[in-house]
PDB file of N, CA and C in Angstrom:
ATOM      1  N   UNK A   1      85.785  45.591  24.171  1.00  0.00           N
ATOM      2  CA  UNK A   1      85.617  46.605  23.197  1.00  0.00           C
ATOM      3  C   UNK A   1      84.154  47.098  23.121  1.00  0.00           C
ATOM      4  N   UNK A   2      83.226  46.165  23.211  1.00  0.00           N
ATOM      5  CA  UNK A   2      81.788  46.501  23.178  1.00  0.00           C
ATOM      6  C   UNK A   2      81.424  47.422  24.325  1.00  0.00           C
ATOM      7  N   UNK A   3      81.971  47.147  25.492  1.00  0.00           N
ATOM      8  CA  UNK A   3      81.723  47.981  26.682  1.00  0.00           C
ATOM      9  C   UNK A   3      82.190  49.422  26.479  1.00  0.00           C
ATOM     10  N   UNK A   4      83.363  49.590  25.851  1.00  0.00           N
ATOM     11  CA  UNK A   4      83.919  50.891  25.629  1.00  0.00           C
ATOM     12  C   UNK A   4      83.006  51.648  24.669  1.00  0.00           C
ATOM     13  N   UNK A   5      82.523  50.983  23.606  1.00  0.00           N
ATOM     14  CA  UNK A   5      81.646  51.633  22.652  1.00  0.00           C
ATOM     15  C   UNK A   5      80.330  52.064  23.317  1.00  0.00           C
ATOM     16  N   UNK A   6      79.833  51.202  24.219  1.00  0.00           N
ATOM     17  CA  UNK A   6      78.558  51.536  24.916  1.00  0.00           C
ATOM     18  C   UNK A   6      78.721  52.696  25.817  1.00  0.00           C
ATOM     19  N   UNK A   7      79.875  52.784  26.528  1.00  0.00           N
ATOM     20  CA  UNK A   7      80.114  53.889  27.417  1.00  0.00           C
ATOM     21  C   UNK A   7      80.199  55.207  26.593  1.00  0.00           C
ATOM     22  N   UNK A   8      80.886  55.186  25.470  1.00  0.00           N
ATOM     23  CA  UNK A   8      81.089  56.388  24.628  1.00  0.00           C
ATOM     24  C   UNK A   8      79.743  56.760  23.997  1.00  0.00           C
ATOM     25  N   UNK A   9      78.869  55.862  23.699  1.00  0.00           N
ATOM     26  CA  UNK A   9      77.568  56.198  23.209  1.00  0.00           C
ATOM     27  C   UNK A   9      76.694  56.790  24.345  1.00  0.00           C
ATOM     28  N   UNK A  10      76.787  56.215  25.512  1.00  0.00           N
ATOM     29  CA  UNK A  10      76.039  56.766  26.703  1.00  0.00           C
ATOM     30  C   UNK A  10      76.466  58.217  26.988  1.00  0.00           C
ATOM     31  N   UNK A  11      77.771  58.457  26.898  1.00  0.00           N
ATOM     32  CA  UNK A  11      78.263  59.807  27.271  1.00  0.00           C
ATOM     33  C   UNK A  11      78.043  60.831  26.146  1.00  0.00           C
ATOM     34  N   UNK A  12      77.628  60.350  24.965  1.00  0.00           N
ATOM     35  CA  UNK A  12      77.321  61.283  23.881  1.00  0.00           C
ATOM     36  C   UNK A  12      78.531  61.558  22.978  1.00  0.00           C
ATOM     37  N   UNK A  13      79.642  60.820  23.134  1.00  0.00           N
ATOM     38  CA  UNK A  13      80.804  60.992  22.346  1.00  0.00           C
ATOM     39  C   UNK A  13      80.751  60.224  21.026  1.00  0.00           C
ATOM     40  N   UNK A  14      79.874  59.183  20.959  1.00  0.00           N
ATOM     41  CA  UNK A  14      79.704  58.339  19.759  1.00  0.00           C
ATOM     42  C   UNK A  14      78.258  58.234  19.421  1.00  0.00           C
ATOM     43  N   UNK A  15      77.947  58.070  18.202  1.00  0.00           N
ATOM     44  CA  UNK A  15      76.611  57.658  17.778  1.00  0.00           C
ATOM     45  C   UNK A  15      76.779  56.480  16.843  1.00  0.00           C
ATOM     46  N   UNK A  16      75.697  55.683  16.748  1.00  0.00           N
ATOM     47  CA  UNK A  16      75.829  54.486  15.899  1.00  0.00           C
ATOM     48  C   UNK A  16      74.645  54.482  14.914  1.00  0.00           C
ATOM     49  N   UNK A  17      74.955  53.934  13.737  1.00  0.00           N
ATOM     50  CA  UNK A  17      73.925  53.788  12.652  1.00  0.00           C
ATOM     51  C   UNK A  17      74.074  52.365  12.101  1.00  0.00           C
ATOM     52  N   UNK A  18      72.895  51.802  11.805  1.00  0.00           N
ATOM     53  CA  UNK A  18      72.887  50.478  11.170  1.00  0.00           C
ATOM     54  C   UNK A  18      71.928  50.633   9.948  1.00  0.00           C
ATOM     55  N   UNK A  19      72.560  50.374   8.798  1.00  0.00           N
ATOM     56  CA  UNK A  19      71.823  50.552   7.492  1.00  0.00           C
ATOM     57  C   UNK A  19      71.330  51.950   7.298  1.00  0.00           C
ATOM     58  N   UNK A  20      72.104  52.911   7.853  1.00  0.00           N
ATOM     59  CA  UNK A  20      71.703  54.357   7.645  1.00  0.00           C
ATOM     60  C   UNK A  20      70.688  54.821   8.693  1.00  0.00           C
ATOM     61  N   UNK A  21      70.229  53.958   9.594  1.00  0.00           N
ATOM     62  CA  UNK A  21      69.225  54.376  10.601  1.00  0.00           C
ATOM     63  C   UNK A  21      69.966  54.481  11.981  1.00  0.00           C
ATOM     64  N   UNK A  22      69.552  55.531  12.712  1.00  0.00           N
ATOM     65  CA  UNK A  22      70.145  55.703  14.066  1.00  0.00           C
ATOM     66  C   UNK A  22      69.903  54.445  14.912  1.00  0.00           C
ATOM     67  N   UNK A  23      70.843  54.144  15.689  1.00  0.00           N
ATOM     68  CA  UNK A  23      70.766  52.939  16.580  1.00  0.00           C
ATOM     69  C   UNK A  23      70.886  53.437  18.038  1.00  0.00           C
ATOM     70  N   UNK A  24      69.884  53.055  18.836  1.00  0.00           N
ATOM     71  CA  UNK A  24      69.905  53.398  20.268  1.00  0.00           C
ATOM     72  C   UNK A  24      70.774  52.437  20.993  1.00  0.00           C
ATOM     73  N   UNK A  25      71.298  52.903  22.129  1.00  0.00           N
ATOM     74  CA  UNK A  25      72.137  52.065  22.947  1.00  0.00           C
ATOM     75  C   UNK A  25      71.432  50.784  23.401  1.00  0.00           C
ATOM     76  N   UNK A  26      70.171  50.904  23.672  1.00  0.00           N
ATOM     77  CA  UNK A  26      69.356  49.761  24.083  1.00  0.00           C
ATOM     78  C   UNK A  26      69.231  48.742  22.976  1.00  0.00           C
ATOM     79  N   UNK A  27      69.332  49.128  21.744  1.00  0.00           N
ATOM     80  CA  UNK A  27      69.263  48.176  20.617  1.00  0.00           C
ATOM     81  C   UNK A  27      70.533  47.529  20.258  1.00  0.00           C
ATOM     82  N   UNK A  28      71.658  48.007  20.854  1.00  0.00           N
ATOM     83  CA  UNK A  28      72.953  47.549  20.430  1.00  0.00           C
ATOM     84  C   UNK A  28      73.249  46.217  21.167  1.00  0.00           C
ATOM     85  N   UNK A  29      73.568  45.166  20.377  1.00  0.00           N
ATOM     86  CA  UNK A  29      74.001  43.916  20.866  1.00  0.00           C
ATOM     87  C   UNK A  29      75.320  43.527  20.161  1.00  0.00           C
ATOM     88  N   UNK A  30      75.910  42.365  20.490  1.00  0.00           N
ATOM     89  CA  UNK A  30      77.173  42.013  19.901  1.00  0.00           C
ATOM     90  C   UNK A  30      77.110  41.898  18.350  1.00  0.00           C
ATOM     91  N   UNK A  31      76.057  41.341  17.868  1.00  0.00           N
ATOM     92  CA  UNK A  31      75.905  41.199  16.411  1.00  0.00           C
ATOM     93  C   UNK A  31      75.847  42.536  15.747  1.00  0.00           C
ATOM     94  N   UNK A  32      75.015  43.451  16.276  1.00  0.00           N
ATOM     95  CA  UNK A  32      74.856  44.751  15.651  1.00  0.00           C
ATOM     96  C   UNK A  32      76.130  45.619  15.840  1.00  0.00           C
ATOM     97  N   UNK A  33      76.841  45.352  16.908  1.00  0.00           N
ATOM     98  CA  UNK A  33      78.115  46.178  17.183  1.00  0.00           C
ATOM     99  C   UNK A  33      79.072  45.956  15.997  1.00  0.00           C
ATOM    100  N   UNK A  34      79.157  44.766  15.471  1.00  0.00           N
ATOM    101  CA  UNK A  34      80.030  44.485  14.368  1.00  0.00           C
ATOM    102  C   UNK A  34      79.558  45.018  13.010  1.00  0.00           C
ATOM    103  N   UNK A  35      78.271  45.173  12.926  1.00  0.00           N
ATOM    104  CA  UNK A  35      77.680  45.669  11.672  1.00  0.00           C
ATOM    105  C   UNK A  35      77.480  47.213  11.680  1.00  0.00           C
ATOM    106  N   UNK A  36      77.409  47.811  12.819  1.00  0.00           N
ATOM    107  CA  UNK A  36      77.087  49.225  12.929  1.00  0.00           C
ATOM    108  C   UNK A  36      78.262  50.140  12.484  1.00  0.00           C
ATOM    109  N   UNK A  37      77.854  51.357  12.084  1.00  0.00           N
ATOM    110  CA  UNK A  37      78.831  52.363  11.722  1.00  0.00           C
ATOM    111  C   UNK A  37      78.824  53.396  12.901  1.00  0.00           C
ATOM    112  N   UNK A  38      79.985  53.608  13.464  1.00  0.00           N
ATOM    113  CA  UNK A  38      80.105  54.521  14.606  1.00  0.00           C
ATOM    114  C   UNK A  38      80.642  55.842  14.143  1.00  0.00           C
ATOM    115  N   UNK A  39      80.122  56.919  14.711  1.00  0.00           N
ATOM    116  CA  UNK A  39      80.548  58.255  14.284  1.00  0.00           C
ATOM    117  C   UNK A  39      80.838  59.038  15.568  1.00  0.00           C
ATOM    118  N   UNK A  40      81.916  59.814  15.508  1.00  0.00           N
ATOM    119  CA  UNK A  40      82.285  60.698  16.633  1.00  0.00           C
ATOM    120  C   UNK A  40      81.359  61.937  16.642  1.00  0.00           C
ATOM    121  N   UNK A  41      80.773  62.172  17.751  1.00  0.00           N
ATOM    122  CA  UNK A  41      79.960  63.340  17.888  1.00  0.00           C
ATOM    123  C   UNK A  41      80.828  64.518  18.406  1.00  0.00           C
ATOM    124  N   UNK A  42      80.318  65.723  18.325  1.00  0.00           N
ATOM    125  CA  UNK A  42      81.052  66.856  18.802  1.00  0.00           C
ATOM    126  C   UNK A  42      81.301  66.641  20.347  1.00  0.00           C
ATOM    127  N   UNK A  43      82.549  67.038  20.721  1.00  0.00           N
ATOM    128  CA  UNK A  43      82.817  66.802  22.138  1.00  0.00           C
ATOM    129  C   UNK A  43      81.913  67.595  23.053  1.00  0.00           C
ATOM    130  N   UNK A  44      81.580  67.038  24.159  1.00  0.00           N
ATOM    131  CA  UNK A  44      80.783  67.677  25.159  1.00  0.00           C
ATOM    132  C   UNK A  44      81.688  68.401  26.138  1.00  0.00           C
ATOM    133  N   UNK A  45      81.570  69.738  26.251  1.00  0.00           N
ATOM    134  CA  UNK A  45      82.393  70.457  27.160  1.00  0.00           C
ATOM    135  C   UNK A  45      81.809  70.592  28.501  1.00  0.00           C
ATOM    136  N   UNK A  46      82.601  70.545  29.568  1.00  0.00           N
ATOM    137  CA  UNK A  46      82.105  70.803  30.900  1.00  0.00           C
ATOM    138  C   UNK A  46      82.039  72.300  31.117  1.00  0.00           C
ATOM    139  N   UNK A  47      81.448  72.734  32.124  1.00  0.00           N
ATOM    140  CA  UNK A  47      81.314  74.162  32.484  1.00  0.00           C
ATOM    141  C   UNK A  47      82.696  74.758  32.651  1.00  0.00           C
ATOM    142  N   UNK A  48      83.599  74.086  33.324  1.00  0.00           N
ATOM    143  CA  UNK A  48      84.948  74.545  33.534  1.00  0.00           C
ATOM    144  C   UNK A  48      85.674  74.726  32.199  1.00  0.00           C
ATOM    145  N   UNK A  49      85.505  73.818  31.293  1.00  0.00           N
ATOM    146  CA  UNK A  49      86.161  73.903  29.989  1.00  0.00           C
ATOM    147  C   UNK A  49      85.618  75.125  29.214  1.00  0.00           C
ATOM    148  N   UNK A  50      84.266  75.314  29.286  1.00  0.00           N
ATOM    149  CA  UNK A  50      83.644  76.410  28.573  1.00  0.00           C
ATOM    150  C   UNK A  50      84.181  77.753  29.065  1.00  0.00           C
ATOM    151  N   UNK A  51      84.358  77.842  30.415  1.00  0.00           N
ATOM    152  CA  UNK A  51      84.838  79.115  31.030  1.00  0.00           C
ATOM    153  C   UNK A  51      86.283  79.324  30.567  1.00  0.00           C
ATOM    154  N   UNK A  52      87.113  78.280  30.485  1.00  0.00           N
ATOM    155  CA  UNK A  52      88.508  78.465  30.042  1.00  0.00           C
ATOM    156  C   UNK A  52      88.550  78.949  28.591  1.00  0.00           C
ATOM    157  N   UNK A  53      87.676  78.446  27.748  1.00  0.00           N
ATOM    158  CA  UNK A  53      87.612  78.884  26.351  1.00  0.00           C
ATOM    159  C   UNK A  53      87.203  80.351  26.323  1.00  0.00           C
ATOM    160  N   UNK A  54      86.222  80.687  27.092  1.00  0.00           N
ATOM    161  CA  UNK A  54      85.696  82.096  27.120  1.00  0.00           C
ATOM    162  C   UNK A  54      86.786  83.068  27.562  1.00  0.00           C
ATOM    163  N   UNK A  55      87.572  82.722  28.616  1.00  0.00           N
ATOM    164  CA  UNK A  55      88.644  83.549  29.160  1.00  0.00           C
ATOM    165  C   UNK A  55      89.724  83.667  28.066  1.00  0.00           C
ATOM    166  N   UNK A  56      90.114  82.586  27.478  1.00  0.00           N
ATOM    167  CA  UNK A  56      91.146  82.659  26.470  1.00  0.00           C
ATOM    168  C   UNK A  56      90.757  83.562  25.202  1.00  0.00           C
ATOM    169  N   UNK A  57      89.466  83.414  24.872  1.00  0.00           N
ATOM    170  CA  UNK A  57      88.955  84.273  23.771  1.00  0.00           C
ATOM    171  C   UNK A  57      88.984  85.756  24.124  1.00  0.00           C
ATOM    172  N   UNK A  58      88.619  86.069  25.335  1.00  0.00           N
ATOM    173  CA  UNK A  58      88.647  87.472  25.802  1.00  0.00           C
ATOM    174  C   UNK A  58      90.075  88.028  25.736  1.00  0.00           C
ATOM    175  N   UNK A  59      91.046  87.230  26.243  1.00  0.00           N
ATOM    176  CA  UNK A  59      92.458  87.666  26.214  1.00  0.00           C
ATOM    177  C   UNK A  59      92.921  87.926  24.782  1.00  0.00           C
ATOM    178  N   UNK A  60      92.573  87.046  23.887  1.00  0.00           N
ATOM    179  CA  UNK A  60      93.049  87.235  22.515  1.00  0.00           C
ATOM    180  C   UNK A  60      92.410  88.505  21.925  1.00  0.00           C
ATOM    181  N   UNK A  61      91.172  88.757  22.216  1.00  0.00           N
ATOM    182  CA  UNK A  61      90.506  90.015  21.741  1.00  0.00           C
ATOM    183  C   UNK A  61      91.217  91.209  22.200  1.00  0.00           C
ATOM    184  N   UNK A  62      91.615  91.183  23.451  1.00  0.00           N
ATOM    185  CA  UNK A  62      92.300  92.399  24.039  1.00  0.00           C
ATOM    186  C   UNK A  62      93.618  92.653  23.326  1.00  0.00           C
ATOM    187  N   UNK A  63      94.365  91.579  23.039  1.00  0.00           N
ATOM    188  CA  UNK A  63      95.683  91.681  22.352  1.00  0.00           C
ATOM    189  C   UNK A  63      95.532  92.120  20.911  1.00  0.00           C
ATOM    190  N   UNK A  64      94.417  91.799  20.328  1.00  0.00           N
ATOM    191  CA  UNK A  64      94.220  92.053  18.868  1.00  0.00           C
ATOM    192  C   UNK A  64      93.699  93.446  18.532  1.00  0.00           C
ATOM    193  N   UNK A  65      93.505  94.297  19.572  1.00  0.00           N
ATOM    194  CA  UNK A  65      92.978  95.651  19.305  1.00  0.00           C
ATOM    195  C   UNK A  65      93.937  96.411  18.440  1.00  0.00           C
ATOM    196  N   UNK A  66      93.471  97.196  17.458  1.00  0.00           N
ATOM    197  CA  UNK A  66      94.370  98.004  16.604  1.00  0.00           C
ATOM    198  C   UNK A  66      95.025  99.132  17.435  1.00  0.00           C
ATOM    199  N   UNK A  67      96.211  99.431  17.054  1.00  0.00           N
ATOM    200  CA  UNK A  67      96.989 100.508  17.697  1.00  0.00           C
ATOM    201  C   UNK A  67      96.541 101.855  17.027  1.00  0.00           C
ATOM    202  N   UNK A  68      96.219 102.759  17.894  1.00  0.00           N
ATOM    203  CA  UNK A  68      95.827 104.143  17.364  1.00  0.00           C
ATOM    204  C   UNK A  68      97.068 104.841  16.841  1.00  0.00           C
ATOM    205  N   UNK A  69      96.904 105.611  15.772  1.00  0.00           N
ATOM    206  CA  UNK A  69      98.022 106.347  15.156  1.00  0.00           C
ATOM    207  C   UNK A  69      98.694 107.244  16.153  1.00  0.00           C
ATOM    208  N   UNK A  70      97.922 107.931  16.957  1.00  0.00           N
ATOM    209  CA  UNK A  70      98.459 108.859  17.915  1.00  0.00           C
ATOM    210  C   UNK A  70      99.396 108.218  18.943  1.00  0.00           C
ATOM    211  N   UNK A  71      99.218 106.959  19.271  1.00  0.00           N
ATOM    212  CA  UNK A  71     100.061 106.285  20.215  1.00  0.00           C
ATOM    213  C   UNK A  71     101.301 105.639  19.618  1.00  0.00           C
ATOM    214  N   UNK A  72     101.404 105.668  18.305  1.00  0.00           N
ATOM    215  CA  UNK A  72     102.532 105.044  17.619  1.00  0.00           C
ATOM    216  C   UNK A  72     103.761 105.987  17.678  1.00  0.00           C
ATOM    217  N   UNK A  73     104.942 105.380  17.849  1.00  0.00           N
ATOM    218  CA  UNK A  73     106.144 106.305  17.871  1.00  0.00           C
ATOM    219  C   UNK A  73     106.309 106.897  16.470  1.00  0.00           C
ATOM    220  N   UNK A  74     107.011 108.021  16.392  1.00  0.00           N
ATOM    221  CA  UNK A  74     107.338 108.631  15.114  1.00  0.00           C
ATOM    222  C   UNK A  74     108.217 107.710  14.233  1.00  0.00           C
ATOM    223  N   UNK A  75     108.001 107.794  12.928  1.00  0.00           N
ATOM    224  CA  UNK A  75     108.907 106.952  12.060  1.00  0.00           C
ATOM    225  C   UNK A  75     110.350 107.387  12.154  1.00  0.00           C
ATOM    226  N   UNK A  76     111.214 106.430  11.904  1.00  0.00           N
ATOM    227  CA  UNK A  76     112.642 106.658  11.943  1.00  0.00           C
ATOM    228  C   UNK A  76     113.065 107.366  10.653  1.00  0.00           C
ATOM    229  N   UNK A  77     113.954 108.330  10.723  1.00  0.00           N
ATOM    230  CA  UNK A  77     114.368 109.053   9.558  1.00  0.00           C
ATOM    231  C   UNK A  77     115.730 108.564   9.140  1.00  0.00           C
TER     232      UNK A  77
END
């Protein structure tokens, strides 16, 4: 379990605090691991993930454009 926490801290997915003070990975030992408070950091996106988000956002914007009145069919009588 300690190794998993260390890997997540190294990758930037977790941060640790001990008595309210930030804890560096180099300061983390077995005793401090049990006493530390771990917090999830914002996820780190890869370039490919960022591009997928950008493409999806563009698609939604195109679909959300308002319809012009002149292109709407006449109302049913």
